[in-house]
Amino acid sequence: MGASILILVAAFVGLMALMLLFFIARYKRCPSDKILVVYGRTGQGSAKTLAGGAVFVWPVIQDYEYLDLTPISIDVDLRGALSKQNIRVNVPSRFTVGVSNEPGVMLNAAERLLGKTNDQIRDISKDIIFGQLRLVVATMDIEEINSDRDKFLTNVASNVGAELRKIGLQLINVNVTDIQDESGYIEALGKNAAAKAINDAKRSVAEKNRDGSIGEAKANQDKRIQVSEADAIAKVGEAAAQANAIDGENEAAIRMAASNAERRQKEAEALRIATSSEKIQAAKALEEAYVAEQEAEMARAKREKATLEADAIVNAEIAKRQLEIDAEAKAEQIRRLAKGEADAIFLKKEAEARGIQEILNKQAEGFKQIVDATGGNSKEAVLMIIADKLEELVKTQVEAVKNIKIDKVTVWENGGGGDGDGTSTSNFVSGLYKSVPPLTDLFNMAGMNLPDYLGSKEEAKNNPSADETTTVEIIEPES
């Protein structure tokens, strides 16, 4: 009997130990980089979320799972997004998102992202980012996107962050790498259409907001009136049923009805004020839209004026440059013609020089052959050359007096003949031809002696001259 009790005690202790271990195992601690999601019968809605700390997860009626807080990097290569000016731009960027650990947002993450992988979360986030990024680009000018990058990132963080919070994510970082304009930033094209589209959109949004606010206010007013009337009817009926028994309840009902009437009056007055305020705000929104449209039109006019002035300046610069190019082309043509003429003259002179050099070379070769033929005696070689040219020399002597024109010759003489056989007149004519330089003089001027067989100065001296008393007057005809 004692042994049985011990066995029962031991079994009970073991069972309690197992139950303790089981309960310890169900006590879940949440790491700092994760979110613990307890779902099932939690008494706090669809799930209970915990960022840090620990919680006991009841078996059977509850279960748990973790959400990873590790940041997720997403490459968003936005292409062809329409800006406020209807100009398509490319906005390649990188977004870093992660599961939010804010109390209100963690429940969204538990409801929409529990059990999904990082790739699935990345795809869902990418779709949201694409849509919101296009929306932000559509509300800004290209100048604002490029110059005021802080404003652009603020708008992106505001729009994208608000949408991501709906699924339990938070935007950690936005990095826009580069912004490009596919159309070459032709701002004049489409600016008017962009401003008009934006103003129409603003006007439509303001009208829709106004209609929605008015409808909502009317619905709330009807609801409050109907509820108040139902309460009053119920309370009046109850007061009538108990009128004979309790007079105090009747008075209370009357006071309640009066209070409800006063309350409805105040609610109606508040509704009237709210409706008036909404209409005033809608009117102000329309007024601001009209002012923005007017400013956009003025900016467009200034930009078109600047474009026209720029076109005129560019055309003038092009014309100026064309004149400079034409002048340079003409100058280059003149320089090339002058260079061509100079080259032609140089080649001509060079050819003449080569011709003269060739002639001199041939003459030198001929003179060398003549000297070689005379056995190296240069004087005999010269005589051979002169002998070859003798006919031309004699012809030159004859040509010297050939063309002398004598109109008349007057001769005074002593009446007798000279010492020779001829008369004075014949001697005059003979002496006239002798006045031409003889060959001996030509040879002497050349530093050579005439051979004896061709005559010498001694023979010339032995010939008596004409009578010295003869006087000849030669009168040449007037030209």
Protein backbone atom coordinates (compact mmCIF):
# COMPACT_ATOMS: atom_id res chain seq x y z
CA MET A 1 0.00 0.00 0.00
CA GLY A 2 2.82 2.37 0.86
CA ALA A 3 4.59 1.57 -2.39
CA SER A 4 1.47 2.36 -4.37
CA ILE A 5 1.19 5.73 -2.71
CA LEU A 6 4.82 6.47 -3.47
CA ILE A 7 4.26 5.54 -7.11
CA LEU A 8 1.23 7.80 -7.30
CA VAL A 9 3.13 10.64 -5.67
CA ALA A 10 6.05 10.14 -8.03
CA ALA A 11 3.73 10.03 -11.02
CA PHE A 12 2.00 13.17 -9.83
CA VAL A 13 5.30 14.95 -9.33
CA GLY A 14 6.48 13.85 -12.78
CA LEU A 15 3.25 14.99 -14.32
CA MET A 16 3.56 18.35 -12.60
CA ALA A 17 7.15 18.62 -13.81
CA LEU A 18 6.10 17.87 -17.37
CA MET A 19 3.31 20.38 -17.15
CA LEU A 20 5.77 22.95 -15.78
CA LEU A 21 8.19 22.29 -18.63
CA PHE A 22 5.33 22.52 -21.09
CA PHE A 23 4.21 25.86 -19.70
CA ILE A 24 7.79 27.09 -19.68
CA ALA A 25 8.10 26.08 -23.35
CA ARG A 26 4.94 28.05 -24.15
CA TYR A 27 6.38 31.20 -22.57
CA LYS A 28 7.73 32.93 -25.70
CA ARG A 29 10.33 35.68 -25.64
CA CYS A 30 10.47 38.15 -28.51
CA PRO A 31 13.96 38.97 -29.96
CA SER A 32 14.84 42.62 -30.55
CA ASP A 33 14.92 42.18 -34.35
CA LYS A 34 11.51 40.48 -34.59
CA ILE A 35 7.86 41.02 -33.76
CA LEU A 36 5.98 38.27 -31.91
CA VAL A 37 2.45 37.77 -33.27
CA VAL A 38 0.07 35.73 -31.10
CA TYR A 39 -3.11 34.79 -32.89
CA GLY A 40 -6.17 32.80 -32.01
CA ARG A 41 -8.30 33.64 -29.01
CA THR A 42 -6.43 36.69 -27.79
CA GLY A 43 -9.24 38.94 -26.59
CA GLN A 44 -7.57 41.87 -28.47
CA GLY A 45 -8.94 41.49 -31.95
CA SER A 46 -7.48 39.38 -34.71
CA ALA A 47 -3.99 39.16 -33.18
CA LYS A 48 -1.78 40.32 -30.37
CA THR A 49 1.59 41.84 -31.33
CA LEU A 50 4.63 42.28 -29.16
CA ALA A 51 7.91 44.09 -29.98
CA GLY A 52 10.34 42.95 -27.30
CA GLY A 53 9.52 41.34 -23.96
CA ALA A 54 7.72 37.99 -23.56
CA VAL A 55 4.23 36.55 -23.38
CA PHE A 56 2.61 33.23 -22.50
CA VAL A 57 1.01 31.50 -25.48
CA TRP A 58 -1.86 29.28 -24.43
CA PRO A 59 -1.87 25.91 -26.02
CA VAL A 60 -4.68 24.80 -28.30
CA ILE A 61 -6.49 28.17 -28.29
CA GLN A 62 -3.47 30.27 -29.32
CA ASP A 63 -0.47 30.03 -31.60
CA TYR A 64 2.41 32.34 -32.47
CA GLU A 65 4.68 33.45 -35.32
CA TYR A 66 7.44 35.98 -35.86
CA LEU A 67 7.73 38.94 -38.23
CA ASP A 68 11.28 39.88 -39.24
CA LEU A 69 12.30 43.54 -38.70
CA THR A 70 15.29 43.28 -41.04
CA PRO A 71 15.27 46.18 -43.57
CA ILE A 72 14.40 45.30 -47.15
CA SER A 73 16.12 47.16 -50.01
CA ILE A 74 14.00 47.73 -53.13
CA ASP A 75 15.28 49.03 -56.49
CA VAL A 76 12.60 51.15 -58.17
CA ASP A 77 13.51 52.13 -61.76
CA LEU A 78 10.64 54.44 -62.61
CA ARG A 79 10.51 55.20 -66.37
CA GLY A 80 8.37 57.65 -68.29
CA ALA A 81 6.56 59.21 -65.32
CA LEU A 82 4.53 62.29 -66.25
CA SER A 83 5.51 65.40 -64.33
CA LYS A 84 3.32 68.37 -63.57
CA GLN A 85 4.32 69.83 -66.96
CA ASN A 86 3.37 66.67 -68.91
CA ILE A 87 7.05 65.96 -69.49
CA ARG A 88 8.12 62.34 -69.02
CA VAL A 89 10.98 61.79 -66.61
CA ASN A 90 12.96 58.80 -65.36
CA VAL A 91 13.45 58.54 -61.59
CA PRO A 92 15.69 55.55 -60.71
CA SER A 93 15.78 55.22 -56.93
CA ARG A 94 16.34 52.82 -54.05
CA PHE A 95 13.88 52.47 -51.15
CA THR A 96 14.59 50.81 -47.83
CA VAL A 97 11.52 49.56 -45.95
CA GLY A 98 10.88 47.32 -42.97
CA VAL A 99 8.13 46.00 -40.78
CA SER A 100 7.06 48.74 -38.38
CA ASN A 101 7.23 48.20 -34.61
CA GLU A 102 4.72 50.97 -33.79
CA PRO A 103 1.82 49.64 -31.70
CA GLY A 104 -0.91 50.62 -34.13
CA VAL A 105 0.98 49.60 -37.29
CA MET A 106 2.19 46.22 -36.01
CA LEU A 107 -1.38 44.91 -36.10
CA ASN A 108 -1.59 45.85 -39.81
CA ALA A 109 1.61 43.94 -40.43
CA ALA A 110 0.27 40.94 -38.55
CA GLU A 111 -2.96 40.98 -40.54
CA ARG A 112 -1.40 41.50 -44.00
CA LEU A 113 2.20 40.23 -43.95
CA LEU A 114 2.22 37.31 -41.51
CA GLY A 115 3.62 34.20 -43.17
CA LYS A 116 5.00 36.03 -46.25
CA THR A 117 8.62 35.87 -47.34
CA ASN A 118 10.87 38.88 -47.85
CA ASP A 119 10.55 38.54 -51.64
CA GLN A 120 6.76 38.62 -51.42
CA ILE A 121 6.89 41.65 -49.11
CA ARG A 122 9.32 43.31 -51.56
CA ASP A 123 6.93 42.77 -54.49
CA ILE A 124 3.95 44.19 -52.58
CA SER A 125 5.97 47.23 -51.45
CA LYS A 126 7.34 47.79 -54.95
CA ASP A 127 3.86 48.05 -56.45
CA ILE A 128 2.82 50.61 -53.81
CA ILE A 129 6.03 52.62 -54.25
CA PHE A 130 5.65 52.75 -58.04
CA GLY A 131 2.14 54.15 -57.80
CA GLN A 132 2.90 56.73 -55.12
CA LEU A 133 6.16 57.81 -56.78
CA ARG A 134 4.31 58.51 -60.03
CA LEU A 135 1.76 60.49 -58.04
CA VAL A 136 4.48 62.62 -56.40
CA VAL A 137 6.19 63.26 -59.75
CA ALA A 138 2.85 64.29 -61.26
CA THR A 139 2.38 66.98 -58.59
CA MET A 140 5.79 68.63 -59.02
CA ASP A 141 7.64 70.55 -61.72
CA ILE A 142 10.88 69.25 -63.11
CA GLU A 143 12.64 72.32 -61.66
CA GLU A 144 11.39 71.42 -58.18
CA ILE A 145 12.40 67.78 -58.55
CA ASN A 146 15.93 68.71 -59.62
CA SER A 147 16.64 71.79 -57.50
CA ASP A 148 14.54 71.25 -54.37
CA ARG A 149 15.46 67.63 -53.70
CA ASP A 150 14.50 67.90 -50.02
CA LYS A 151 10.94 68.84 -50.95
CA PHE A 152 10.76 65.95 -53.42
CA LEU A 153 12.01 63.44 -50.85
CA THR A 154 9.64 64.85 -48.24
CA ASN A 155 6.67 64.38 -50.58
CA VAL A 156 7.82 60.87 -51.47
CA ALA A 157 8.28 59.93 -47.81
CA SER A 158 4.87 61.38 -46.93
CA ASN A 159 2.91 59.65 -49.69
CA VAL A 160 4.79 56.36 -49.80
CA GLY A 161 5.12 56.16 -46.00
CA ALA A 162 1.38 56.65 -45.49
CA GLU A 163 0.54 53.87 -47.94
CA LEU A 164 3.13 51.49 -46.53
CA ARG A 165 1.79 51.98 -43.01
CA LYS A 166 -1.52 50.56 -44.18
CA ILE A 167 0.11 47.17 -44.67
CA GLY A 168 2.32 47.42 -41.58
CA LEU A 169 5.55 48.71 -43.15
CA GLN A 170 7.55 51.85 -42.51
CA LEU A 171 9.75 53.78 -44.94
CA ILE A 172 13.30 53.83 -43.60
CA ASN A 173 15.23 55.59 -46.38
CA VAL A 174 14.82 56.98 -49.91
CA ASN A 175 17.80 57.44 -52.21
CA VAL A 176 17.17 58.95 -55.64
CA THR A 177 20.23 58.19 -57.77
CA ASP A 178 19.53 60.30 -60.86
CA ILE A 179 16.64 62.06 -62.55
CA GLN A 180 16.54 62.18 -66.37
CA ASP A 181 14.27 63.88 -68.88
CA GLU A 182 13.44 61.71 -71.88
CA SER A 183 12.05 64.61 -73.98
CA GLY A 184 15.11 66.83 -73.65
CA TYR A 185 13.29 69.20 -71.31
CA ILE A 186 11.23 71.02 -73.88
CA GLU A 187 9.29 72.90 -71.28
CA ALA A 188 7.33 75.07 -73.70
CA LEU A 189 5.58 72.01 -75.13
CA GLY A 190 2.73 70.92 -72.94
CA LYS A 191 3.13 73.56 -70.21
CA ASN A 192 -0.25 75.08 -71.02
CA ALA A 193 -1.92 71.66 -71.08
CA ALA A 194 -0.18 70.71 -67.80
CA ALA A 195 -1.29 73.88 -65.99
CA LYS A 196 -4.87 73.51 -67.27
CA ALA A 197 -5.01 69.84 -66.32
CA ILE A 198 -3.71 70.56 -62.84
CA ASN A 199 -6.19 73.40 -62.28
CA ASP A 200 -9.09 71.26 -63.55
CA ALA A 201 -7.99 68.47 -61.25
CA LYS A 202 -7.81 70.83 -58.29
CA ARG A 203 -11.22 72.25 -59.09
CA SER A 204 -12.73 68.77 -59.44
CA VAL A 205 -11.14 67.63 -56.17
CA ALA A 206 -12.43 70.73 -54.37
CA GLU A 207 -15.93 70.19 -55.75
CA LYS A 208 -15.92 66.50 -54.80
CA ASN A 209 -14.64 67.31 -51.32
CA ARG A 210 -17.33 69.97 -50.96
CA ASP A 211 -20.10 67.60 -52.12
CA GLY A 212 -18.82 64.85 -49.87
CA SER A 213 -18.62 67.14 -46.86
CA ILE A 214 -22.12 68.47 -47.47
CA GLY A 215 -23.57 64.96 -47.88
CA GLU A 216 -21.79 63.71 -44.80
CA ALA A 217 -23.05 66.66 -42.76
CA LYS A 218 -26.62 66.13 -43.94
CA ALA A 219 -26.46 62.42 -43.16
CA ASN A 220 -25.13 63.11 -39.68
CA GLN A 221 -27.83 65.70 -39.12
CA ASP A 222 -30.63 63.32 -40.17
CA LYS A 223 -29.15 60.60 -38.03
CA ARG A 224 -29.02 62.78 -34.95
CA ILE A 225 -32.56 64.10 -35.51
CA GLN A 226 -34.03 60.64 -35.97
CA VAL A 227 -32.20 59.27 -32.94
CA SER A 228 -33.32 62.20 -30.83
CA GLU A 229 -36.93 61.83 -31.96
CA ALA A 230 -36.94 58.11 -31.27
CA ASP A 231 -35.50 58.71 -27.81
CA ALA A 232 -38.08 61.40 -27.14
CA ILE A 233 -40.99 59.21 -28.29
CA ALA A 234 -39.83 56.31 -26.20
CA LYS A 235 -39.33 58.46 -23.16
CA VAL A 236 -42.67 60.28 -23.62
CA GLY A 237 -44.56 56.93 -23.98
CA GLU A 238 -42.90 55.58 -20.89
CA ALA A 239 -43.72 58.77 -19.01
CA ALA A 240 -47.39 58.58 -20.18
CA ALA A 241 -47.70 54.96 -18.97
CA GLN A 242 -46.44 55.89 -15.55
CA ALA A 243 -48.10 59.32 -15.34
CA ASN A 244 -50.73 58.23 -12.82
CA ALA A 245 -48.23 56.56 -10.57
CA ILE A 246 -45.20 58.84 -10.53
CA ASP A 247 -45.56 62.59 -11.15
CA GLY A 248 -41.87 63.14 -10.73
CA GLU A 249 -41.08 60.97 -13.75
CA ASN A 250 -43.35 63.13 -15.90
CA GLU A 251 -41.47 66.23 -14.89
CA ALA A 252 -38.19 64.48 -15.56
CA ALA A 253 -39.40 63.46 -19.01
CA ILE A 254 -40.47 67.04 -19.70
CA ARG A 255 -37.08 68.35 -18.62
CA MET A 256 -35.35 65.66 -20.76
CA ALA A 257 -37.44 66.61 -23.79
CA ALA A 258 -36.58 70.27 -23.27
CA SER A 259 -32.91 69.38 -22.95
CA ASN A 260 -33.04 67.27 -26.08
CA ALA A 261 -34.72 70.10 -27.98
CA GLU A 262 -32.08 72.51 -26.85
CA ARG A 263 -29.39 70.01 -27.81
CA ARG A 264 -30.87 69.53 -31.27
CA GLN A 265 -31.00 73.29 -31.69
CA LYS A 266 -27.35 73.61 -30.78
CA GLU A 267 -26.43 70.71 -33.06
CA ALA A 268 -28.31 72.31 -35.92
CA GLU A 269 -26.53 75.59 -35.27
CA ALA A 270 -23.16 73.80 -35.20
CA LEU A 271 -24.05 71.99 -38.41
CA ARG A 272 -24.96 75.29 -40.04
CA ILE A 273 -21.65 76.81 -39.00
CA ALA A 274 -19.76 73.73 -40.25
CA THR A 275 -21.58 73.79 -43.59
CA SER A 276 -20.86 77.50 -44.02
CA SER A 277 -17.22 76.96 -43.16
CA GLU A 278 -16.93 74.13 -45.68
CA LYS A 279 -18.48 76.26 -48.40
CA ILE A 280 -16.15 79.13 -47.55
CA GLN A 281 -13.15 76.79 -47.69
CA ALA A 282 -14.33 75.37 -51.03
CA ALA A 283 -14.70 78.91 -52.40
CA LYS A 284 -11.20 79.77 -51.18
CA ALA A 285 -9.86 76.61 -52.84
CA LEU A 286 -11.45 77.65 -56.14
CA GLU A 287 -10.03 81.14 -55.74
CA GLU A 288 -6.55 79.74 -55.10
CA ALA A 289 -6.92 77.47 -58.12
CA TYR A 290 -7.82 80.45 -60.31
CA VAL A 291 -4.88 82.44 -58.97
CA ALA A 292 -2.55 79.49 -59.61
CA GLU A 293 -3.91 79.20 -63.16
CA GLN A 294 -3.30 82.92 -63.75
CA GLU A 295 0.26 82.64 -62.42
CA ALA A 296 0.87 79.60 -64.61
CA GLU A 297 -0.37 81.50 -67.69
CA MET A 298 1.90 84.46 -66.86
CA ALA A 299 4.86 82.15 -66.35
CA ARG A 300 4.11 80.45 -69.66
CA ALA A 301 4.00 83.84 -71.44
CA LYS A 302 7.36 84.80 -69.93
CA ARG A 303 8.84 81.47 -70.91
CA GLU A 304 7.55 81.72 -74.49
CA LYS A 305 8.96 85.25 -74.73
CA ALA A 306 12.34 84.02 -73.47
CA THR A 307 12.19 81.16 -75.97
CA LEU A 308 11.53 83.53 -78.87
CA GLU A 309 14.37 85.82 -77.78
CA ALA A 310 16.69 82.84 -77.45
CA ASP A 311 15.70 81.65 -80.96
CA ALA A 312 16.44 85.11 -82.40
CA ILE A 313 19.82 85.24 -80.66
CA VAL A 314 20.69 81.75 -81.83
CA ASN A 315 19.71 82.58 -85.44
CA ALA A 316 21.83 85.76 -85.35
CA GLU A 317 24.74 83.82 -83.90
CA ILE A 318 24.35 81.17 -86.61
CA ALA A 319 24.32 83.84 -89.35
CA LYS A 320 27.39 85.48 -87.85
CA ARG A 321 29.16 82.16 -87.67
CA GLN A 322 28.18 81.39 -91.28
CA LEU A 323 29.74 84.67 -92.44
CA GLU A 324 32.92 83.87 -90.52
CA ILE A 325 33.04 80.40 -92.04
CA ASP A 326 32.52 81.81 -95.58
CA ALA A 327 35.27 84.40 -95.02
CA GLU A 328 37.63 81.73 -93.72
CA ALA A 329 36.79 79.50 -96.69
CA LYS A 330 37.54 82.34 -99.17
CA ALA A 331 40.78 83.16 -97.39
CA GLU A 332 41.76 79.50 -97.42
CA GLN A 333 40.94 79.30 -101.14
CA ILE A 334 43.11 82.36 -101.86
CA ARG A 335 45.94 80.91 -99.79
CA ARG A 336 45.71 77.61 -101.63
CA LEU A 337 45.66 79.33 -105.07
CA ALA A 338 48.68 81.44 -104.11
CA LYS A 339 50.47 78.35 -102.82
CA GLY A 340 49.60 76.51 -106.05
CA GLU A 341 50.93 79.39 -108.18
CA ALA A 342 54.07 79.60 -106.07
CA ASP A 343 54.58 75.85 -106.39
CA ALA A 344 54.04 76.10 -110.17
CA ILE A 345 56.60 78.95 -110.47
CA PHE A 346 59.02 77.03 -108.29
CA LEU A 347 58.63 73.89 -110.41
CA LYS A 348 59.00 75.92 -113.62
CA LYS A 349 62.18 77.64 -112.42
CA GLU A 350 63.47 74.36 -111.11
CA ALA A 351 62.86 72.76 -114.53
CA GLU A 352 64.59 75.68 -116.30
CA ALA A 353 67.55 75.39 -113.93
CA ARG A 354 67.78 71.66 -114.59
CA GLY A 355 67.61 72.41 -118.35
CA ILE A 356 70.40 75.01 -118.13
CA GLN A 357 72.44 72.69 -115.94
CA GLU A 358 71.94 69.91 -118.45
CA ILE A 359 73.04 72.21 -121.33
CA LEU A 360 76.13 73.30 -119.40
CA ASN A 361 76.90 69.69 -118.55
CA LYS A 362 76.63 68.71 -122.21
CA GLN A 363 78.78 71.72 -123.24
CA ALA A 364 81.38 70.74 -120.63
CA GLU A 365 81.37 67.19 -121.94
CA GLY A 366 81.78 68.55 -125.53
CA PHE A 367 84.65 70.88 -124.48
CA LYS A 368 86.29 67.96 -122.69
CA GLN A 369 86.06 65.82 -125.81
CA ILE A 370 87.57 68.64 -127.92
CA VAL A 371 90.48 69.02 -125.46
CA ASP A 372 90.96 65.27 -125.47
CA ALA A 373 90.99 65.33 -129.28
CA THR A 374 93.86 67.90 -129.26
CA GLY A 375 95.90 65.84 -126.90
CA GLY A 376 95.24 68.08 -123.94
CA ASN A 377 96.39 71.32 -125.68
CA SER A 378 93.87 73.91 -124.64
CA LYS A 379 94.98 76.54 -127.19
CA GLU A 380 94.50 74.20 -130.08
CA ALA A 381 91.14 73.25 -128.64
CA VAL A 382 90.15 76.96 -128.61
CA LEU A 383 91.36 77.31 -132.17
CA MET A 384 89.24 74.35 -133.16
CA ILE A 385 86.22 75.97 -131.52
CA ILE A 386 86.92 79.32 -133.22
CA ALA A 387 87.45 77.60 -136.51
CA ASP A 388 84.08 75.97 -136.05
CA LYS A 389 82.57 79.38 -135.33
CA LEU A 390 84.58 81.32 -137.95
CA GLU A 391 81.71 81.54 -140.34
CA GLU A 392 79.49 83.10 -137.69
CA LEU A 393 82.26 85.58 -136.66
CA VAL A 394 82.74 86.76 -140.26
CA LYS A 395 79.03 87.02 -140.69
CA THR A 396 78.89 89.17 -137.55
CA GLN A 397 81.56 91.52 -138.98
CA VAL A 398 79.66 91.91 -142.20
CA GLU A 399 76.37 92.49 -140.38
CA ALA A 400 78.03 95.35 -138.45
CA VAL A 401 78.08 97.67 -141.52
CA LYS A 402 75.36 96.02 -143.51
CA ASN A 403 72.51 98.06 -142.19
CA ILE A 404 74.31 101.47 -142.17
CA LYS A 405 72.22 103.88 -144.26
CA ILE A 406 74.17 106.74 -146.00
CA ASP A 407 72.17 109.50 -147.60
CA LYS A 408 75.11 111.20 -149.39
CA VAL A 409 78.91 111.29 -149.33
CA THR A 410 80.86 114.55 -149.94
CA VAL A 411 84.53 114.10 -150.80
CA TRP A 412 87.18 116.86 -150.85
CA GLU A 413 90.47 115.79 -152.30
CA ASN A 414 93.53 117.43 -153.97
CA GLY A 415 92.49 116.31 -157.37
CA GLY A 416 95.01 113.54 -157.63
CA GLY A 417 94.97 109.94 -156.75
CA GLY A 418 96.56 108.45 -153.77
CA ASP A 419 99.69 106.46 -153.46
CA GLY A 420 97.89 103.33 -154.29
CA ASP A 421 96.08 102.25 -157.36
CA GLY A 422 92.62 103.42 -156.27
CA THR A 423 91.19 106.81 -156.02
CA SER A 424 90.49 108.62 -152.81
CA THR A 425 86.87 107.66 -152.98
CA SER A 426 87.60 103.98 -153.40
CA ASN A 427 90.13 104.15 -150.68
CA PHE A 428 87.47 105.72 -148.42
CA VAL A 429 85.09 102.86 -148.98
CA SER A 430 87.87 100.34 -148.39
CA GLY A 431 88.86 102.11 -145.20
CA LEU A 432 85.22 102.11 -144.10
CA TYR A 433 85.15 98.35 -144.12
CA LYS A 434 88.54 98.22 -142.47
CA SER A 435 87.08 100.24 -139.60
CA VAL A 436 85.28 97.08 -138.49
CA PRO A 437 87.42 95.33 -135.79
CA PRO A 438 89.56 92.68 -137.51
CA LEU A 439 89.74 89.13 -136.26
CA THR A 440 93.12 89.82 -134.66
CA ASP A 441 91.54 92.32 -132.30
CA LEU A 442 88.83 89.83 -131.39
CA PHE A 443 91.48 87.23 -130.58
CA ASN A 444 93.54 89.73 -128.60
CA MET A 445 90.51 90.65 -126.49
CA ALA A 446 90.08 86.96 -125.84
CA GLY A 447 93.76 86.74 -124.73
CA MET A 448 94.81 84.63 -127.74
CA ASN A 449 96.81 85.10 -130.96
CA LEU A 450 95.32 84.56 -134.41
CA PRO A 451 97.15 81.93 -136.45
CA ASP A 452 99.40 83.28 -139.19
CA TYR A 453 97.40 81.65 -141.92
CA LEU A 454 94.43 83.80 -140.93
CA GLY A 455 96.37 87.06 -141.06
CA SER A 456 98.25 89.28 -138.58
CA LYS A 457 98.61 92.88 -137.46
CA GLU A 458 101.95 93.29 -139.32
CA GLU A 459 100.31 92.68 -142.64
CA ALA A 460 97.61 95.18 -141.79
CA LYS A 461 100.27 97.79 -140.97
CA ASN A 462 102.01 97.29 -144.35
CA ASN A 463 98.89 98.32 -146.23
CA PRO A 464 99.05 102.11 -146.86
CA SER A 465 96.09 104.08 -145.71
CA ALA A 466 94.07 106.48 -147.84
CA ASP A 467 95.19 110.03 -148.57
CA GLU A 468 94.93 111.96 -145.40
CA THR A 469 93.74 115.04 -147.34
CA THR A 470 90.50 113.31 -148.17
CA THR A 471 87.59 114.52 -146.09
CA VAL A 472 84.38 112.55 -145.99
CA GLU A 473 81.14 113.85 -144.60
CA ILE A 474 78.50 111.29 -143.94
CA ILE A 475 75.04 112.56 -143.43
CA GLU A 476 72.58 109.99 -142.20
CA PRO A 477 68.98 110.41 -143.22
CA GLU A 478 66.61 111.86 -140.68
CA SER A 479 64.59 109.33 -138.91
